[in-house]
Amino acid sequence: MKAKRKPLDSKTPADYGVDTTPRLKVLKVESPAVRKAGIIVASVDELVEKLKNEAKVI
């Protein structure tokens, strides 16, 4: 209970010898590129066909 009444000392980073100046500079901020809409396929065969022919993944 005595700890509740004891005052706390406020310290700053300068008290410990720490430099807090900013080291980075923001040049510009851009939003990410918009993604294209996906395609809904009805069956696995149609999915495999699109992966082979359109995406050329398989």
Foldseek 3Di string as FASTA:
>chain_A
DVVVVDDDDDDDVVVVPDDDDDDDDDDDDDDDDDDDDDDDDDDPVVVVVCCVPPVVPD
